[in-house]
Structures are given as structure tokens and as C-alpha cells.
Amino acid sequence: MSVSRRFTRGIAQRLMLVLLAGLLWLGSSLFAAPAYAADAPDSKRYIAADGTDLTAMAQCLPKELSKGNLSRALQESKNDFLEKVFDVKDNYDDYKLDETEIAYLACVESKGVIPQVKR
């Protein structure tokens, strides 16, 4: 009886070690460096499920916006964030915009795409 209990306990311990190692591996892969669309070749196309071509938006995405940054999020909340979300003003140019957002909109327009906020 004690042999089978010891055997079962040994299997359970090994199973728990494998499970813990898998969780550690999964956790480390979640914090890997993000992929940047700007590093992709210009020939790569980004197509949405509905067939919309999103290539210009992906190529213009600044590196600052592809990383999580709490201080930037707090700073951005001062720039009429809720007003933009709820589309309070008639003209998008009336909102406070930071340099990154202005550069992104200019890049998208330079590729021949009219952003939704300008329509």
C-alpha cells in the first residue's frame, strides 16, 4: 500500500513540476518584446476580416503607441480623451492632440488614406 501511495505521490509531484514549468514559460512569452509594424517591409499587406486594407494604418503606427506606458496614458487622458471617445466636438481639429497623434494622422494621410476622424 505504501509503495503505490509513494508512486502516486511521485507522479503527482512530477506533474505539478511540469505544470509549473509550463506556466513559467507561458508567462515569460507574454512579456516578450512587441512587434512593430514599422519594422515590416513595405510590401506586406494588412487586410481586415471584412476585406478593408489596413496597411497604411499598420505602417504608420508609432513605436510609442505599441508599448504599454502608464505615464503616457495618464498624460493622454488630459488631452480631451473622453471627449474624443464620445465624439463631443464637431471638428476633430478642435481637440487637444499630442505630437504622436498628429504625426500618425499626417502619415496616414500621406499614404492616401483619409482617417475616420477627418470624414
N, C-alpha and C. Protein backbone atom coordinates (compact mmCIF):
# COMPACT_ATOMS: atom_id res chain seq x y z
N MET A 1 0.81 -1.18 0.00
CA MET A 1 0.00 0.00 0.00
C MET A 1 0.86 1.26 0.00
N SER A 2 1.93 1.25 0.79
CA SER A 2 2.77 2.44 0.85
C SER A 2 3.56 2.64 -0.44
N VAL A 3 3.85 1.54 -1.17
CA VAL A 3 4.56 1.66 -2.44
C VAL A 3 3.68 2.36 -3.47
N SER A 4 2.41 1.98 -3.54
CA SER A 4 1.52 2.62 -4.51
C SER A 4 1.25 4.09 -4.13
N ARG A 5 1.17 4.37 -2.84
CA ARG A 5 0.97 5.75 -2.40
C ARG A 5 2.20 6.60 -2.75
N ARG A 6 3.40 6.05 -2.52
CA ARG A 6 4.64 6.75 -2.85
C ARG A 6 4.73 6.96 -4.37
N PHE A 7 4.35 5.95 -5.12
CA PHE A 7 4.37 6.05 -6.59
C PHE A 7 3.40 7.13 -7.07
N THR A 8 2.20 7.15 -6.51
CA THR A 8 1.20 8.16 -6.89
C THR A 8 1.67 9.56 -6.50
N ARG A 9 2.25 9.70 -5.33
CA ARG A 9 2.77 10.99 -4.88
C ARG A 9 3.90 11.46 -5.80
N GLY A 10 4.77 10.55 -6.22
CA GLY A 10 5.86 10.91 -7.12
C GLY A 10 5.35 11.39 -8.47
N ILE A 11 4.33 10.73 -8.99
CA ILE A 11 3.73 11.14 -10.27
C ILE A 11 3.07 12.50 -10.11
N ALA A 12 2.37 12.72 -9.01
CA ALA A 12 1.71 14.00 -8.77
C ALA A 12 2.73 15.13 -8.67
N GLN A 13 3.85 14.86 -8.00
CA GLN A 13 4.89 15.89 -7.88
C GLN A 13 5.48 16.22 -9.24
N ARG A 14 5.75 15.20 -10.04
CA ARG A 14 6.31 15.45 -11.38
C ARG A 14 5.32 16.22 -12.25
N LEU A 15 4.05 15.86 -12.15
CA LEU A 15 3.02 16.55 -12.91
C LEU A 15 2.92 18.02 -12.50
N MET A 16 3.00 18.29 -11.22
CA MET A 16 2.96 19.67 -10.73
C MET A 16 4.19 20.45 -11.21
N LEU A 17 5.37 19.82 -11.24
CA LEU A 17 6.58 20.49 -11.73
C LEU A 17 6.45 20.83 -13.21
N VAL A 18 5.92 19.90 -13.99
CA VAL A 18 5.72 20.15 -15.42
C VAL A 18 4.72 21.28 -15.62
N LEU A 19 3.65 21.28 -14.85
CA LEU A 19 2.64 22.33 -14.93
C LEU A 19 3.23 23.69 -14.55
N LEU A 20 4.00 23.74 -13.49
CA LEU A 20 4.65 24.98 -13.07
C LEU A 20 5.63 25.48 -14.12
N ALA A 21 6.42 24.57 -14.70
CA ALA A 21 7.36 24.97 -15.75
C ALA A 21 6.61 25.51 -16.97
N GLY A 22 5.49 24.89 -17.32
CA GLY A 22 4.69 25.38 -18.45
C GLY A 22 4.12 26.76 -18.18
N LEU A 23 3.64 26.98 -16.96
CA LEU A 23 3.11 28.31 -16.62
C LEU A 23 4.21 29.37 -16.65
N LEU A 24 5.40 29.02 -16.16
CA LEU A 24 6.53 29.97 -16.22
C LEU A 24 6.89 30.29 -17.66
N TRP A 25 6.92 29.28 -18.51
CA TRP A 25 7.24 29.51 -19.92
C TRP A 25 6.18 30.39 -20.58
N LEU A 26 4.92 30.12 -20.30
CA LEU A 26 3.83 30.91 -20.85
C LEU A 26 3.91 32.35 -20.35
N GLY A 27 4.18 32.53 -19.07
CA GLY A 27 4.30 33.87 -18.51
C GLY A 27 5.45 34.65 -19.12
N SER A 28 6.57 34.00 -19.38
CA SER A 28 7.70 34.70 -19.97
C SER A 28 7.42 35.08 -21.42
N SER A 29 6.62 34.28 -22.12
CA SER A 29 6.32 34.61 -23.52
C SER A 29 5.34 35.77 -23.62
N LEU A 30 4.55 36.02 -22.58
CA LEU A 30 3.62 37.15 -22.60
C LEU A 30 4.34 38.48 -22.50
N PHE A 31 5.53 38.48 -21.91
CA PHE A 31 6.28 39.72 -21.74
C PHE A 31 7.40 39.86 -22.76
N ALA A 32 7.29 39.18 -23.87
CA ALA A 32 8.28 39.29 -24.93
C ALA A 32 8.17 40.66 -25.60
N ALA A 33 9.19 41.04 -26.31
CA ALA A 33 9.20 42.35 -26.98
C ALA A 33 8.06 42.42 -28.00
N PRO A 34 7.35 43.54 -28.05
CA PRO A 34 6.25 43.66 -29.01
C PRO A 34 6.75 43.79 -30.44
N ALA A 35 5.95 43.39 -31.37
CA ALA A 35 6.29 43.52 -32.78
C ALA A 35 5.88 44.91 -33.26
N TYR A 36 6.72 45.51 -34.06
CA TYR A 36 6.44 46.85 -34.57
C TYR A 36 6.09 46.76 -36.05
N ALA A 37 5.01 47.38 -36.42
CA ALA A 37 4.59 47.37 -37.81
C ALA A 37 5.56 48.16 -38.67
N ALA A 38 6.24 49.17 -38.11
CA ALA A 38 7.16 49.98 -38.88
C ALA A 38 8.37 49.17 -39.34
N ASP A 39 8.70 48.08 -38.62
CA ASP A 39 9.84 47.25 -39.00
C ASP A 39 9.51 46.30 -40.14
N ALA A 40 8.25 46.19 -40.48
CA ALA A 40 7.83 45.27 -41.53
C ALA A 40 8.15 45.86 -42.90
N PRO A 41 8.41 45.02 -43.87
CA PRO A 41 8.65 45.54 -45.21
C PRO A 41 7.41 46.20 -45.78
N ASP A 42 7.62 47.18 -46.67
CA ASP A 42 6.50 47.92 -47.24
C ASP A 42 5.61 47.04 -48.12
N SER A 43 6.13 45.92 -48.60
CA SER A 43 5.34 45.07 -49.48
C SER A 43 4.30 44.24 -48.72
N LYS A 44 4.44 44.12 -47.41
CA LYS A 44 3.49 43.33 -46.63
C LYS A 44 2.16 44.06 -46.53
N ARG A 45 1.08 43.34 -46.70
CA ARG A 45 -0.26 43.91 -46.67
C ARG A 45 -0.98 43.45 -45.41
N TYR A 46 -1.76 44.33 -44.84
CA TYR A 46 -2.58 44.02 -43.66
C TYR A 46 -4.03 44.18 -44.06
N ILE A 47 -4.74 43.08 -44.12
CA ILE A 47 -6.13 43.08 -44.56
C ILE A 47 -7.02 42.63 -43.39
N ALA A 48 -8.07 43.39 -43.10
CA ALA A 48 -9.01 43.04 -42.04
C ALA A 48 -9.93 41.91 -42.51
N ALA A 49 -10.66 41.34 -41.59
CA ALA A 49 -11.56 40.23 -41.91
C ALA A 49 -12.64 40.63 -42.90
N ASP A 50 -13.04 41.90 -42.87
CA ASP A 50 -14.08 42.35 -43.80
C ASP A 50 -13.52 42.80 -45.15
N GLY A 51 -12.19 42.64 -45.36
CA GLY A 51 -11.57 42.99 -46.63
C GLY A 51 -10.98 44.38 -46.67
N THR A 52 -11.10 45.15 -45.60
CA THR A 52 -10.55 46.50 -45.55
C THR A 52 -9.04 46.44 -45.49
N ASP A 53 -8.38 47.26 -46.30
CA ASP A 53 -6.92 47.31 -46.31
C ASP A 53 -6.44 48.23 -45.18
N LEU A 54 -5.72 47.65 -44.22
CA LEU A 54 -5.23 48.40 -43.06
C LEU A 54 -3.73 48.63 -43.12
N THR A 55 -3.12 48.44 -44.28
CA THR A 55 -1.68 48.53 -44.42
C THR A 55 -1.14 49.89 -44.01
N ALA A 56 -1.77 50.98 -44.46
CA ALA A 56 -1.29 52.32 -44.14
C ALA A 56 -1.33 52.56 -42.63
N MET A 57 -2.41 52.13 -41.98
CA MET A 57 -2.52 52.33 -40.54
C MET A 57 -1.45 51.54 -39.79
N ALA A 58 -1.17 50.31 -40.23
CA ALA A 58 -0.17 49.48 -39.56
C ALA A 58 1.24 50.03 -39.78
N GLN A 59 1.53 50.53 -40.97
CA GLN A 59 2.86 51.04 -41.26
C GLN A 59 3.12 52.37 -40.56
N CYS A 60 2.08 53.13 -40.29
CA CYS A 60 2.24 54.44 -39.65
C CYS A 60 2.20 54.38 -38.13
N LEU A 61 1.88 53.22 -37.56
CA LEU A 61 1.75 53.11 -36.11
C LEU A 61 3.09 53.42 -35.43
N PRO A 62 3.14 54.48 -34.62
CA PRO A 62 4.41 54.84 -33.95
C PRO A 62 4.78 53.82 -32.89
N LYS A 63 6.08 53.66 -32.65
CA LYS A 63 6.55 52.71 -31.64
C LYS A 63 6.06 53.09 -30.25
N GLU A 64 5.88 54.39 -29.99
CA GLU A 64 5.42 54.82 -28.66
C GLU A 64 4.03 54.26 -28.35
N LEU A 65 3.21 54.09 -29.39
CA LEU A 65 1.84 53.63 -29.17
C LEU A 65 1.74 52.11 -29.11
N SER A 66 2.80 51.40 -29.47
CA SER A 66 2.74 49.94 -29.45
C SER A 66 3.28 49.37 -28.15
N LYS A 67 3.70 50.23 -27.22
CA LYS A 67 4.17 49.79 -25.91
C LYS A 67 3.23 50.30 -24.84
N GLY A 68 3.04 49.52 -23.80
CA GLY A 68 2.23 49.98 -22.67
C GLY A 68 3.03 50.98 -21.84
N ASN A 69 2.43 52.13 -21.52
CA ASN A 69 3.12 53.15 -20.76
C ASN A 69 2.09 53.90 -19.92
N LEU A 70 2.12 53.68 -18.61
CA LEU A 70 1.12 54.29 -17.73
C LEU A 70 1.22 55.80 -17.72
N SER A 71 2.43 56.35 -17.68
CA SER A 71 2.57 57.81 -17.64
C SER A 71 2.03 58.44 -18.92
N ARG A 72 2.25 57.78 -20.06
CA ARG A 72 1.73 58.30 -21.32
C ARG A 72 0.20 58.23 -21.32
N ALA A 73 -0.36 57.15 -20.78
CA ALA A 73 -1.81 57.02 -20.72
C ALA A 73 -2.42 58.11 -19.84
N LEU A 74 -1.78 58.40 -18.71
CA LEU A 74 -2.28 59.47 -17.85
C LEU A 74 -2.16 60.83 -18.52
N GLN A 75 -1.05 61.04 -19.24
CA GLN A 75 -0.87 62.30 -19.96
C GLN A 75 -1.91 62.43 -21.07
N GLU A 76 -2.18 61.33 -21.74
CA GLU A 76 -3.15 61.32 -22.84
C GLU A 76 -4.56 61.58 -22.32
N SER A 77 -4.85 61.18 -21.08
CA SER A 77 -6.18 61.41 -20.53
C SER A 77 -6.47 62.89 -20.34
N LYS A 78 -5.44 63.71 -20.30
CA LYS A 78 -5.63 65.16 -20.20
C LYS A 78 -5.95 65.78 -21.55
N ASN A 79 -5.66 65.08 -22.63
CA ASN A 79 -5.84 65.62 -23.98
C ASN A 79 -7.23 65.33 -24.52
N ASP A 80 -8.25 65.75 -23.83
CA ASP A 80 -9.64 65.58 -24.28
C ASP A 80 -9.96 64.13 -24.62
N PHE A 81 -9.41 63.19 -23.88
CA PHE A 81 -9.58 61.78 -24.20
C PHE A 81 -11.05 61.37 -24.22
N LEU A 82 -11.77 61.66 -23.14
CA LEU A 82 -13.17 61.25 -23.08
C LEU A 82 -14.01 61.98 -24.12
N GLU A 83 -13.68 63.23 -24.38
CA GLU A 83 -14.41 63.97 -25.42
C GLU A 83 -14.22 63.31 -26.78
N LYS A 84 -12.98 62.84 -27.05
CA LYS A 84 -12.71 62.14 -28.32
C LYS A 84 -13.48 60.83 -28.39
N VAL A 85 -13.50 60.09 -27.28
CA VAL A 85 -14.18 58.79 -27.25
C VAL A 85 -15.66 58.96 -27.54
N PHE A 86 -16.28 59.97 -26.93
CA PHE A 86 -17.72 60.17 -27.10
C PHE A 86 -18.05 61.14 -28.23
N ASP A 87 -17.03 61.57 -29.00
CA ASP A 87 -17.22 62.40 -30.18
C ASP A 87 -18.09 63.63 -29.87
N VAL A 88 -17.63 64.41 -28.89
CA VAL A 88 -18.38 65.56 -28.40
C VAL A 88 -18.33 66.74 -29.37
N LYS A 89 -17.15 67.00 -29.93
CA LYS A 89 -16.97 68.17 -30.79
C LYS A 89 -17.23 67.81 -32.25
N ASP A 90 -17.68 68.80 -33.01
CA ASP A 90 -17.99 68.56 -34.42
C ASP A 90 -16.74 68.37 -35.26
N ASN A 91 -15.68 69.11 -34.96
CA ASN A 91 -14.46 69.07 -35.75
C ASN A 91 -13.35 68.42 -34.92
N TYR A 92 -12.68 67.42 -35.46
CA TYR A 92 -11.64 66.70 -34.73
C TYR A 92 -10.44 67.59 -34.44
N ASP A 93 -10.20 68.60 -35.26
CA ASP A 93 -9.07 69.50 -35.05
C ASP A 93 -9.27 70.40 -33.82
N ASP A 94 -10.48 70.45 -33.26
CA ASP A 94 -10.73 71.26 -32.07
C ASP A 94 -10.24 70.58 -30.79
N TYR A 95 -9.92 69.28 -30.84
CA TYR A 95 -9.42 68.57 -29.66
C TYR A 95 -7.95 68.88 -29.46
N LYS A 96 -7.48 68.69 -28.21
CA LYS A 96 -6.05 68.79 -27.92
C LYS A 96 -5.40 67.49 -28.40
N LEU A 97 -4.43 67.59 -29.29
CA LEU A 97 -3.73 66.42 -29.84
C LEU A 97 -2.26 66.51 -29.47
N ASP A 98 -1.65 65.37 -29.14
CA ASP A 98 -0.21 65.43 -28.89
C ASP A 98 0.55 65.14 -30.18
N GLU A 99 1.87 65.31 -30.12
CA GLU A 99 2.70 65.22 -31.34
C GLU A 99 2.60 63.85 -32.00
N THR A 100 2.53 62.80 -31.19
CA THR A 100 2.48 61.44 -31.75
C THR A 100 1.21 61.24 -32.56
N GLU A 101 0.08 61.71 -32.04
CA GLU A 101 -1.18 61.56 -32.76
C GLU A 101 -1.19 62.40 -34.03
N ILE A 102 -0.63 63.59 -33.97
CA ILE A 102 -0.55 64.45 -35.15
C ILE A 102 0.31 63.81 -36.23
N ALA A 103 1.47 63.24 -35.81
CA ALA A 103 2.36 62.58 -36.77
C ALA A 103 1.69 61.35 -37.39
N TYR A 104 0.95 60.60 -36.58
CA TYR A 104 0.25 59.41 -37.09
C TYR A 104 -0.79 59.82 -38.14
N LEU A 105 -1.60 60.82 -37.83
CA LEU A 105 -2.63 61.26 -38.79
C LEU A 105 -2.00 61.79 -40.08
N ALA A 106 -0.87 62.52 -39.95
CA ALA A 106 -0.18 63.03 -41.14
C ALA A 106 0.38 61.89 -41.98
N CYS A 107 0.92 60.87 -41.34
CA CYS A 107 1.48 59.73 -42.06
C CYS A 107 0.39 58.98 -42.82
N VAL A 108 -0.74 58.75 -42.16
CA VAL A 108 -1.84 58.03 -42.81
C VAL A 108 -2.36 58.84 -44.00
N GLU A 109 -2.49 60.14 -43.83
CA GLU A 109 -2.96 60.98 -44.94
C GLU A 109 -1.95 61.01 -46.08
N SER A 110 -0.65 60.94 -45.76
CA SER A 110 0.38 60.94 -46.81
C SER A 110 0.34 59.66 -47.64
N LYS A 111 -0.22 58.60 -47.09
CA LYS A 111 -0.35 57.33 -47.82
C LYS A 111 -1.66 57.26 -48.59
N GLY A 112 -2.42 58.36 -48.58
CA GLY A 112 -3.64 58.43 -49.37
C GLY A 112 -4.90 57.94 -48.67
N VAL A 113 -4.83 57.77 -47.35
CA VAL A 113 -5.98 57.29 -46.60
C VAL A 113 -6.54 58.46 -45.80
N ILE A 114 -7.83 58.67 -45.89
CA ILE A 114 -8.48 59.71 -45.08
C ILE A 114 -8.92 59.05 -43.78
N PRO A 115 -8.35 59.50 -42.64
CA PRO A 115 -8.74 58.89 -41.36
C PRO A 115 -10.22 59.08 -41.07
N GLN A 116 -10.80 58.16 -40.33
CA GLN A 116 -12.21 58.20 -39.99
C GLN A 116 -12.56 59.50 -39.26
N VAL A 117 -11.64 60.00 -38.45
CA VAL A 117 -11.93 61.21 -37.69
C VAL A 117 -12.01 62.45 -38.56
N LYS A 118 -11.48 62.39 -39.77
CA LYS A 118 -11.50 63.53 -40.69
C LYS A 118 -12.66 63.46 -41.66
N ARG A 119 -13.43 62.37 -41.65
CA ARG A 119 -14.54 62.22 -42.60
C ARG A 119 -15.76 62.94 -42.14
